[in-house]
Amino acid sequence: IRAAFRQFQQQQTGGAITVTASIASLTGSADLLPYQTSKH
């Protein structure tokens, strides 16, 4: 994200960024805890 913003700034343009989150970003489970935490 930071690199994208720096490049847009250098170009003096806008742009669009999409990140792959996860169902694990929005809900909880007792397994895959590091992954779930990262996606939150």
All heavy atoms as atom14 arrays in JSON, in Angstrom:
{
  "sequence": "IRAAFRQFQQQQTGGAITVTASIASLTGSADLLPYQTSKH",
  "atom14_mask": [
    [1, 1, 1, 1, 1, 1, 1, 1, 0, 0, 0, 0, 0, 0],
    [1, 1, 1, 1, 1, 1, 1, 1, 1, 1, 1, 0, 0, 0],
    [1, 1, 1, 1, 1, 0, 0, 0, 0, 0, 0, 0, 0, 0],
    [1, 1, 1, 1, 1, 0, 0, 0, 0, 0, 0, 0, 0, 0],
    [1, 1, 1, 1, 1, 1, 1, 1, 1, 1, 1, 0, 0, 0],
    [1, 1, 1, 1, 1, 1, 1, 1, 1, 1, 1, 0, 0, 0],
    [1, 1, 1, 1, 1, 1, 1, 1, 1, 0, 0, 0, 0, 0],
    [1, 1, 1, 1, 1, 1, 1, 1, 1, 1, 1, 0, 0, 0],
    [1, 1, 1, 1, 1, 1, 1, 1, 1, 0, 0, 0, 0, 0],
    [1, 1, 1, 1, 1, 1, 1, 1, 1, 0, 0, 0, 0, 0],
    [1, 1, 1, 1, 1, 1, 1, 1, 1, 0, 0, 0, 0, 0],
    [1, 1, 1, 1, 1, 1, 1, 1, 1, 0, 0, 0, 0, 0],
    [1, 1, 1, 1, 1, 1, 1, 0, 0, 0, 0, 0, 0, 0],
    [1, 1, 1, 1, 0, 0, 0, 0, 0, 0, 0, 0, 0, 0],
    [1, 1, 1, 1, 0, 0, 0, 0, 0, 0, 0, 0, 0, 0],
    [1, 1, 1, 1, 1, 0, 0, 0, 0, 0, 0, 0, 0, 0],
    [1, 1, 1, 1, 1, 1, 1, 1, 0, 0, 0, 0, 0, 0],
    [1, 1, 1, 1, 1, 1, 1, 0, 0, 0, 0, 0, 0, 0],
    [1, 1, 1, 1, 1, 1, 1, 0, 0, 0, 0, 0, 0, 0],
    [1, 1, 1, 1, 1, 1, 1, 0, 0, 0, 0, 0, 0, 0],
    [1, 1, 1, 1, 1, 0, 0, 0, 0, 0, 0, 0, 0, 0],
    [1, 1, 1, 1, 1, 1, 0, 0, 0, 0, 0, 0, 0, 0],
    [1, 1, 1, 1, 1, 1, 1, 1, 0, 0, 0, 0, 0, 0],
    [1, 1, 1, 1, 1, 0, 0, 0, 0, 0, 0, 0, 0, 0],
    [1, 1, 1, 1, 1, 1, 0, 0, 0, 0, 0, 0, 0, 0],
    [1, 1, 1, 1, 1, 1, 1, 1, 0, 0, 0, 0, 0, 0],
    [1, 1, 1, 1, 1, 1, 1, 0, 0, 0, 0, 0, 0, 0],
    [1, 1, 1, 1, 0, 0, 0, 0, 0, 0, 0, 0, 0, 0],
    [1, 1, 1, 1, 1, 1, 0, 0, 0, 0, 0, 0, 0, 0],
    [1, 1, 1, 1, 1, 0, 0, 0, 0, 0, 0, 0, 0, 0],
    [1, 1, 1, 1, 1, 1, 1, 1, 0, 0, 0, 0, 0, 0],
    [1, 1, 1, 1, 1, 1, 1, 1, 0, 0, 0, 0, 0, 0],
    [1, 1, 1, 1, 1, 1, 1, 1, 0, 0, 0, 0, 0, 0],
    [1, 1, 1, 1, 1, 1, 1, 0, 0, 0, 0, 0, 0, 0],
    [1, 1, 1, 1, 1, 1, 1, 1, 1, 1, 1, 1, 0, 0],
    [1, 1, 1, 1, 1, 1, 1, 1, 1, 0, 0, 0, 0, 0],
    [1, 1, 1, 1, 1, 1, 1, 0, 0, 0, 0, 0, 0, 0],
    [1, 1, 1, 1, 1, 1, 0, 0, 0, 0, 0, 0, 0, 0],
    [1, 1, 1, 1, 1, 1, 1, 1, 1, 0, 0, 0, 0, 0],
    [1, 1, 1, 1, 1, 1, 1, 1, 1, 1, 0, 0, 0, 0]
  ],
  "atom14_positions": [
    [[0.84, -1.2, 0.0], [0.0, 0.0, 0.0], [0.87, 1.25, 0.0], [0.63, 2.2, -0.76], [-0.96, -0.01, 1.21], [-2.02, -1.09, 1.04], [-1.61, 1.36, 1.4], [-2.92, -1.26, 2.25], [0.0, 0.0, 0.0], [0.0, 0.0, 0.0], [0.0, 0.0, 0.0], [0.0, 0.0, 0.0], [0.0, 0.0, 0.0], [0.0, 0.0, 0.0]],
    [[1.89, 1.25, 0.86], [2.78, 2.42, 0.93], [3.48, 2.65, -0.41], [3.56, 3.8, -0.89], [3.81, 2.23, 2.03], [4.63, 3.5, 2.31], [5.71, 3.26, 3.33], [6.77, 2.38, 2.82], [7.88, 2.08, 3.5], [8.07, 2.56, 4.71], [8.79, 1.28, 2.97], [0.0, 0.0, 0.0], [0.0, 0.0, 0.0], [0.0, 0.0, 0.0]],
    [[3.96, 1.6, -1.02], [4.64, 1.74, -2.31], [3.69, 2.25, -3.38], [4.08, 3.07, -4.23], [5.22, 0.39, -2.73], [0.0, 0.0, 0.0], [0.0, 0.0, 0.0], [0.0, 0.0, 0.0], [0.0, 0.0, 0.0], [0.0, 0.0, 0.0], [0.0, 0.0, 0.0], [0.0, 0.0, 0.0], [0.0, 0.0, 0.0], [0.0, 0.0, 0.0]],
    [[2.44, 1.8, -3.34], [1.46, 2.29, -4.3], [1.23, 3.78, -4.14], [1.23, 4.54, -5.12], [0.14, 1.53, -4.13], [0.0, 0.0, 0.0], [0.0, 0.0, 0.0], [0.0, 0.0, 0.0], [0.0, 0.0, 0.0], [0.0, 0.0, 0.0], [0.0, 0.0, 0.0], [0.0, 0.0, 0.0], [0.0, 0.0, 0.0], [0.0, 0.0, 0.0]],
    [[1.06, 4.23, -2.9], [0.85, 5.65, -2.65], [2.06, 6.48, -3.07], [1.92, 7.57, -3.63], [0.53, 5.89, -1.18], [-0.94, 5.81, -0.87], [-1.52, 4.61, -0.49], [-1.74, 6.93, -0.99], [-2.87, 4.54, -0.22], [-3.1, 6.87, -0.72], [-3.67, 5.66, -0.33], [0.0, 0.0, 0.0], [0.0, 0.0, 0.0], [0.0, 0.0, 0.0]],
    [[3.24, 5.97, -2.81], [4.45, 6.71, -3.22], [4.52, 6.84, -4.73], [4.89, 7.9, -5.25], [5.69, 6.0, -2.68], [5.88, 6.16, -1.17], [7.09, 5.38, -0.68], [7.38, 5.7, 0.72], [8.34, 5.12, 1.44], [9.13, 4.21, 0.86], [8.55, 5.47, 2.69], [0.0, 0.0, 0.0], [0.0, 0.0, 0.0], [0.0, 0.0, 0.0]],
    [[4.15, 5.77, -5.44], [4.2, 5.83, -6.89], [3.12, 6.76, -7.44], [3.37, 7.54, -8.36], [4.04, 4.42, -7.49], [4.13, 4.39, -9.01], [5.44, 4.95, -9.55], [6.49, 4.81, -8.93], [5.38, 5.58, -10.72], [0.0, 0.0, 0.0], [0.0, 0.0, 0.0], [0.0, 0.0, 0.0], [0.0, 0.0, 0.0], [0.0, 0.0, 0.0]],
    [[1.92, 6.72, -6.88], [0.86, 7.64, -7.31], [1.29, 9.09, -7.07], [1.02, 9.98, -7.89], [-0.44, 7.34, -6.59], [-1.07, 6.02, -6.93], [-1.78, 5.3, -5.98], [-0.97, 5.48, -8.21], [-2.37, 4.09, -6.29], [-1.55, 4.26, -8.53], [-2.25, 3.56, -7.57], [0.0, 0.0, 0.0], [0.0, 0.0, 0.0], [0.0, 0.0, 0.0]],
    [[1.95, 9.31, -5.94], [2.42, 10.67, -5.63], [3.46, 11.12, -6.65], [3.43, 12.26, -7.13], [3.01, 10.69, -4.22], [3.5, 12.07, -3.77], [4.07, 12.03, -2.36], [4.82, 11.12, -2.0], [3.72, 13.0, -1.55], [0.0, 0.0, 0.0], [0.0, 0.0, 0.0], [0.0, 0.0, 0.0], [0.0, 0.0, 0.0], [0.0, 0.0, 0.0]],
    [[4.38, 10.23, -7.0], [5.41, 10.57, -7.97], [4.81, 10.84, -9.34], [5.26, 11.74, -10.07], [6.44, 9.45, -8.05], [7.63, 9.76, -8.94], [8.73, 8.71, -8.81], [8.84, 8.02, -7.81], [9.55, 8.59, -9.84], [0.0, 0.0, 0.0], [0.0, 0.0, 0.0], [0.0, 0.0, 0.0], [0.0, 0.0, 0.0], [0.0, 0.0, 0.0]],
    [[3.79, 10.06, -9.69], [3.12, 10.25, -10.99], [2.18, 11.45, -10.98], [1.75, 11.91, -12.03], [2.27, 9.01, -11.31], [3.04, 7.75, -11.53], [2.15, 6.52, -11.67], [2.64, 5.41, -11.8], [0.85, 6.67, -11.62], [0.0, 0.0, 0.0], [0.0, 0.0, 0.0], [0.0, 0.0, 0.0], [0.0, 0.0, 0.0], [0.0, 0.0, 0.0]],
    [[1.81, 11.9, -9.76], [0.81, 12.95, -9.57], [-0.53, 12.52, -10.17], [-1.19, 13.26, -10.91], [1.28, 14.28, -10.16], [2.53, 14.83, -9.48], [2.9, 16.22, -9.97], [2.61, 16.62, -11.09], [3.55, 16.98, -9.1], [0.0, 0.0, 0.0], [0.0, 0.0, 0.0], [0.0, 0.0, 0.0], [0.0, 0.0, 0.0], [0.0, 0.0, 0.0]],
    [[-0.9, 11.27, -9.82], [-2.17, 10.72, -10.29], [-2.91, 10.09, -9.12], [-2.34, 9.84, -8.05], [-1.96, 9.63, -11.35], [-1.3, 8.49, -10.74], [-1.12, 10.13, -12.51], [0.0, 0.0, 0.0], [0.0, 0.0, 0.0], [0.0, 0.0, 0.0], [0.0, 0.0, 0.0], [0.0, 0.0, 0.0], [0.0, 0.0, 0.0], [0.0, 0.0, 0.0]],
    [[-4.17, 9.79, -9.35], [-4.91, 8.93, -8.44], [-4.67, 7.48, -8.83], [-3.79, 7.16, -9.64], [0.0, 0.0, 0.0], [0.0, 0.0, 0.0], [0.0, 0.0, 0.0], [0.0, 0.0, 0.0], [0.0, 0.0, 0.0], [0.0, 0.0, 0.0], [0.0, 0.0, 0.0], [0.0, 0.0, 0.0], [0.0, 0.0, 0.0], [0.0, 0.0, 0.0]],
    [[-5.47, 6.6, -8.27], [-5.34, 5.19, -8.58], [-6.3, 4.37, -7.75], [-7.12, 4.91, -7.0], [0.0, 0.0, 0.0], [0.0, 0.0, 0.0], [0.0, 0.0, 0.0], [0.0, 0.0, 0.0], [0.0, 0.0, 0.0], [0.0, 0.0, 0.0], [0.0, 0.0, 0.0], [0.0, 0.0, 0.0], [0.0, 0.0, 0.0], [0.0, 0.0, 0.0]],
    [[-6.2, 3.07, -7.89], [-7.08, 2.17, -7.14], [-6.27, 0.99, -6.62], [-5.41, 0.45, -7.33], [-8.23, 1.68, -8.0], [0.0, 0.0, 0.0], [0.0, 0.0, 0.0], [0.0, 0.0, 0.0], [0.0, 0.0, 0.0], [0.0, 0.0, 0.0], [0.0, 0.0, 0.0], [0.0, 0.0, 0.0], [0.0, 0.0, 0.0], [0.0, 0.0, 0.0]],
    [[-6.56, 0.62, -5.38], [-5.89, -0.5, -4.72], [-6.97, -1.43, -4.19], [-7.94, -0.98, -3.57], [-5.02, -0.03, -3.54], [-3.97, 1.0, -4.0], [-4.35, -1.2, -2.85], [-3.27, 1.72, -2.86], [0.0, 0.0, 0.0], [0.0, 0.0, 0.0], [0.0, 0.0, 0.0], [0.0, 0.0, 0.0], [0.0, 0.0, 0.0], [0.0, 0.0, 0.0]],
    [[-6.8, -2.72, -4.44], [-7.67, -3.72, -3.83], [-6.8, -4.73, -3.1], [-5.81, -5.23, -3.66], [-8.54, -4.44, -4.87], [-9.4, -3.49, -5.49], [-9.39, -5.51, -4.2], [0.0, 0.0, 0.0], [0.0, 0.0, 0.0], [0.0, 0.0, 0.0], [0.0, 0.0, 0.0], [0.0, 0.0, 0.0], [0.0, 0.0, 0.0], [0.0, 0.0, 0.0]],
    [[-7.15, -5.02, -1.87], [-6.41, -5.96, -1.03], [-7.24, -7.23, -0.88], [-8.47, -7.17, -0.77], [-6.15, -5.34, 0.36], [-5.51, -6.35, 1.3], [-5.27, -4.1, 0.22], [0.0, 0.0, 0.0], [0.0, 0.0, 0.0], [0.0, 0.0, 0.0], [0.0, 0.0, 0.0], [0.0, 0.0, 0.0], [0.0, 0.0, 0.0], [0.0, 0.0, 0.0]],
    [[-6.59, -8.38, -0.88], [-7.29, -9.62, -0.56], [-7.36, -9.77, 0.95], [-6.35, -10.03, 1.61], [-6.6, -10.84, -1.18], [-6.59, -10.7, -2.61], [-7.33, -12.12, -0.82], [0.0, 0.0, 0.0], [0.0, 0.0, 0.0], [0.0, 0.0, 0.0], [0.0, 0.0, 0.0], [0.0, 0.0, 0.0], [0.0, 0.0, 0.0], [0.0, 0.0, 0.0]],
    [[-8.55, -9.58, 1.48], [-8.82, -9.86, 2.89], [-9.32, -11.3, 2.97], [-8.8, -12.17, 2.27], [-9.83, -8.86, 3.44], [0.0, 0.0, 0.0], [0.0, 0.0, 0.0], [0.0, 0.0, 0.0], [0.0, 0.0, 0.0], [0.0, 0.0, 0.0], [0.0, 0.0, 0.0], [0.0, 0.0, 0.0], [0.0, 0.0, 0.0], [0.0, 0.0, 0.0]],
    [[-10.32, -11.56, 3.8], [-10.79, -12.94, 3.96], [-12.06, -12.93, 4.78], [-12.34, -11.98, 5.53], [-9.72, -13.77, 4.68], [-10.22, -15.03, 5.06], [0.0, 0.0, 0.0], [0.0, 0.0, 0.0], [0.0, 0.0, 0.0], [0.0, 0.0, 0.0], [0.0, 0.0, 0.0], [0.0, 0.0, 0.0], [0.0, 0.0, 0.0], [0.0, 0.0, 0.0]],
    [[-12.81, -14.01, 4.67], [-13.89, -14.22, 5.62], [-13.35, -14.2, 7.05], [-14.04, -13.82, 7.99], [-14.61, -15.56, 5.31], [-15.89, -15.72, 6.13], [-13.67, -16.75, 5.52], [-16.68, -16.96, 5.76], [0.0, 0.0, 0.0], [0.0, 0.0, 0.0], [0.0, 0.0, 0.0], [0.0, 0.0, 0.0], [0.0, 0.0, 0.0], [0.0, 0.0, 0.0]],
    [[-12.07, -14.55, 7.19], [-11.42, -14.52, 8.5], [-11.15, -13.11, 8.98], [-10.78, -12.92, 10.14], [-10.1, -15.3, 8.45], [0.0, 0.0, 0.0], [0.0, 0.0, 0.0], [0.0, 0.0, 0.0], [0.0, 0.0, 0.0], [0.0, 0.0, 0.0], [0.0, 0.0, 0.0], [0.0, 0.0, 0.0], [0.0, 0.0, 0.0], [0.0, 0.0, 0.0]],
    [[-11.33, -12.1, 8.12], [-11.22, -10.71, 8.54], [-12.44, -10.25, 9.32], [-12.39, -9.24, 10.03], [-11.09, -9.8, 7.31], [-9.96, -10.1, 6.55], [0.0, 0.0, 0.0], [0.0, 0.0, 0.0], [0.0, 0.0, 0.0], [0.0, 0.0, 0.0], [0.0, 0.0, 0.0], [0.0, 0.0, 0.0], [0.0, 0.0, 0.0], [0.0, 0.0, 0.0]],
    [[-13.55, -10.98, 9.16], [-14.84, -10.5, 9.64], [-15.45, -11.36, 10.74], [-16.4, -10.94, 11.4], [-15.82, -10.43, 8.46], [-15.33, -9.65, 7.24], [-16.29, -9.83, 6.08], [-15.16, -8.18, 7.58], [0.0, 0.0, 0.0], [0.0, 0.0, 0.0], [0.0, 0.0, 0.0], [0.0, 0.0, 0.0], [0.0, 0.0, 0.0], [0.0, 0.0, 0.0]],
    [[-14.93, -12.56, 10.9], [-15.5, -13.5, 11.87], [-14.36, -14.16, 12.65], [-13.19, -13.99, 12.33], [-16.33, -14.58, 11.16], [-15.51, -15.22, 10.17], [-17.56, -13.98, 10.5], [0.0, 0.0, 0.0], [0.0, 0.0, 0.0], [0.0, 0.0, 0.0], [0.0, 0.0, 0.0], [0.0, 0.0, 0.0], [0.0, 0.0, 0.0], [0.0, 0.0, 0.0]],
    [[-14.71, -14.93, 13.65], [-13.71, -15.57, 14.49], [-13.78, -17.08, 14.43], [-14.83, -17.66, 14.16], [0.0, 0.0, 0.0], [0.0, 0.0, 0.0], [0.0, 0.0, 0.0], [0.0, 0.0, 0.0], [0.0, 0.0, 0.0], [0.0, 0.0, 0.0], [0.0, 0.0, 0.0], [0.0, 0.0, 0.0], [0.0, 0.0, 0.0], [0.0, 0.0, 0.0]],
    [[-12.65, -17.72, 14.67], [-12.59, -19.17, 14.8], [-11.45, -19.51, 15.75], [-10.6, -18.67, 16.04], [-12.36, -19.84, 13.45], [-11.07, -19.53, 12.95], [0.0, 0.0, 0.0], [0.0, 0.0, 0.0], [0.0, 0.0, 0.0], [0.0, 0.0, 0.0], [0.0, 0.0, 0.0], [0.0, 0.0, 0.0], [0.0, 0.0, 0.0], [0.0, 0.0, 0.0]],
    [[-11.45, -20.74, 16.24], [-10.44, -21.15, 17.2], [-9.18, -21.7, 16.53], [-8.2, -21.99, 17.21], [-11.01, -22.21, 18.15], [0.0, 0.0, 0.0], [0.0, 0.0, 0.0], [0.0, 0.0, 0.0], [0.0, 0.0, 0.0], [0.0, 0.0, 0.0], [0.0, 0.0, 0.0], [0.0, 0.0, 0.0], [0.0, 0.0, 0.0], [0.0, 0.0, 0.0]],
    [[-9.24, -21.86, 15.21], [-8.05, -22.35, 14.51], [-7.55, -21.28, 13.55], [-8.18, -20.24, 13.36], [-8.36, -23.65, 13.76], [-9.54, -23.51, 12.8], [-10.16, -22.43, 12.75], [-9.85, -24.5, 12.1], [0.0, 0.0, 0.0], [0.0, 0.0, 0.0], [0.0, 0.0, 0.0], [0.0, 0.0, 0.0], [0.0, 0.0, 0.0], [0.0, 0.0, 0.0]],
    [[-6.38, -21.51, 12.99], [-5.74, -20.55, 12.08], [-5.63, -19.16, 12.71], [-5.88, -18.15, 12.06], [-6.51, -20.46, 10.76], [-6.3, -21.6, 9.77], [-7.14, -21.36, 8.52], [-4.84, -21.75, 9.39], [0.0, 0.0, 0.0], [0.0, 0.0, 0.0], [0.0, 0.0, 0.0], [0.0, 0.0, 0.0], [0.0, 0.0, 0.0], [0.0, 0.0, 0.0]],
    [[-5.27, -19.12, 13.99], [-5.26, -17.85, 14.71], [-4.29, -16.81, 14.12], [-4.67, -15.63, 14.0], [-4.95, -18.09, 16.19], [-5.08, -16.86, 17.09], [-6.52, -16.34, 17.09], [-4.63, -17.18, 18.5], [0.0, 0.0, 0.0], [0.0, 0.0, 0.0], [0.0, 0.0, 0.0], [0.0, 0.0, 0.0], [0.0, 0.0, 0.0], [0.0, 0.0, 0.0]],
    [[-3.06, -17.16, 13.75], [-2.19, -16.14, 13.14], [-2.79, -15.57, 11.86], [-2.77, -14.36, 11.64], [-0.88, -16.9, 12.87], [-0.9, -18.02, 13.86], [-2.33, -18.43, 13.96], [0.0, 0.0, 0.0], [0.0, 0.0, 0.0], [0.0, 0.0, 0.0], [0.0, 0.0, 0.0], [0.0, 0.0, 0.0], [0.0, 0.0, 0.0], [0.0, 0.0, 0.0]],
    [[-3.33, -16.44, 11.01], [-3.95, -16.0, 9.75], [-5.13, -15.08, 10.04], [-5.26, -14.0, 9.45], [-4.39, -17.22, 8.96], [-5.09, -16.9, 7.65], [-4.36, -16.59, 6.51], [-6.48, -16.94, 7.55], [-4.99, -16.31, 5.3], [-7.12, -16.66, 6.36], [-6.36, -16.34, 5.23], [-7.01, -16.06, 4.05], [0.0, 0.0, 0.0], [0.0, 0.0, 0.0]],
    [[-6.0, -15.51, 10.95], [-7.17, -14.72, 11.29], [-6.78, -13.34, 11.82], [-7.34, -12.31, 11.43], [-8.0, -15.46, 12.34], [-9.21, -14.71, 12.82], [-9.98, -15.52, 13.85], [-11.18, -15.64, 13.75], [-9.29, -16.1, 14.83], [0.0, 0.0, 0.0], [0.0, 0.0, 0.0], [0.0, 0.0, 0.0], [0.0, 0.0, 0.0], [0.0, 0.0, 0.0]],
    [[-5.8, -13.3, 12.7], [-5.33, -12.03, 13.26], [-4.79, -11.13, 12.17], [-5.07, -9.92, 12.12], [-4.24, -12.29, 14.31], [-4.76, -13.16, 15.33], [-3.78, -11.0, 14.96], [0.0, 0.0, 0.0], [0.0, 0.0, 0.0], [0.0, 0.0, 0.0], [0.0, 0.0, 0.0], [0.0, 0.0, 0.0], [0.0, 0.0, 0.0], [0.0, 0.0, 0.0]],
    [[-4.02, -11.71, 11.25], [-3.44, -10.91, 10.17], [-4.51, -10.35, 9.26], [-4.4, -9.2, 8.8], [-2.45, -11.76, 9.36], [-3.11, -12.72, 8.54], [0.0, 0.0, 0.0], [0.0, 0.0, 0.0], [0.0, 0.0, 0.0], [0.0, 0.0, 0.0], [0.0, 0.0, 0.0], [0.0, 0.0, 0.0], [0.0, 0.0, 0.0], [0.0, 0.0, 0.0]],
    [[-5.55, -11.11, 8.99], [-6.59, -10.65, 8.08], [-7.49, -9.6, 8.75], [-8.06, -8.74, 8.06], [-7.4, -11.83, 7.56], [-6.62, -12.72, 6.59], [-6.13, -11.95, 5.37], [-5.44, -12.83, 4.35], [-5.02, -12.1, 3.14], [0.0, 0.0, 0.0], [0.0, 0.0, 0.0], [0.0, 0.0, 0.0], [0.0, 0.0, 0.0], [0.0, 0.0, 0.0]],
    [[-7.64, -9.66, 10.07], [-8.31, -8.55, 10.77], [-7.46, -7.28, 10.63], [-8.0, -6.19, 10.39], [-8.5, -8.89, 12.25], [-9.75, -9.64, 12.55], [-9.97, -10.94, 12.13], [-10.87, -9.28, 13.23], [-11.16, -11.34, 12.55], [-11.73, -10.34, 13.22], [0.0, 0.0, 0.0], [0.0, 0.0, 0.0], [0.0, 0.0, 0.0], [0.0, 0.0, 0.0]]
  ]
}
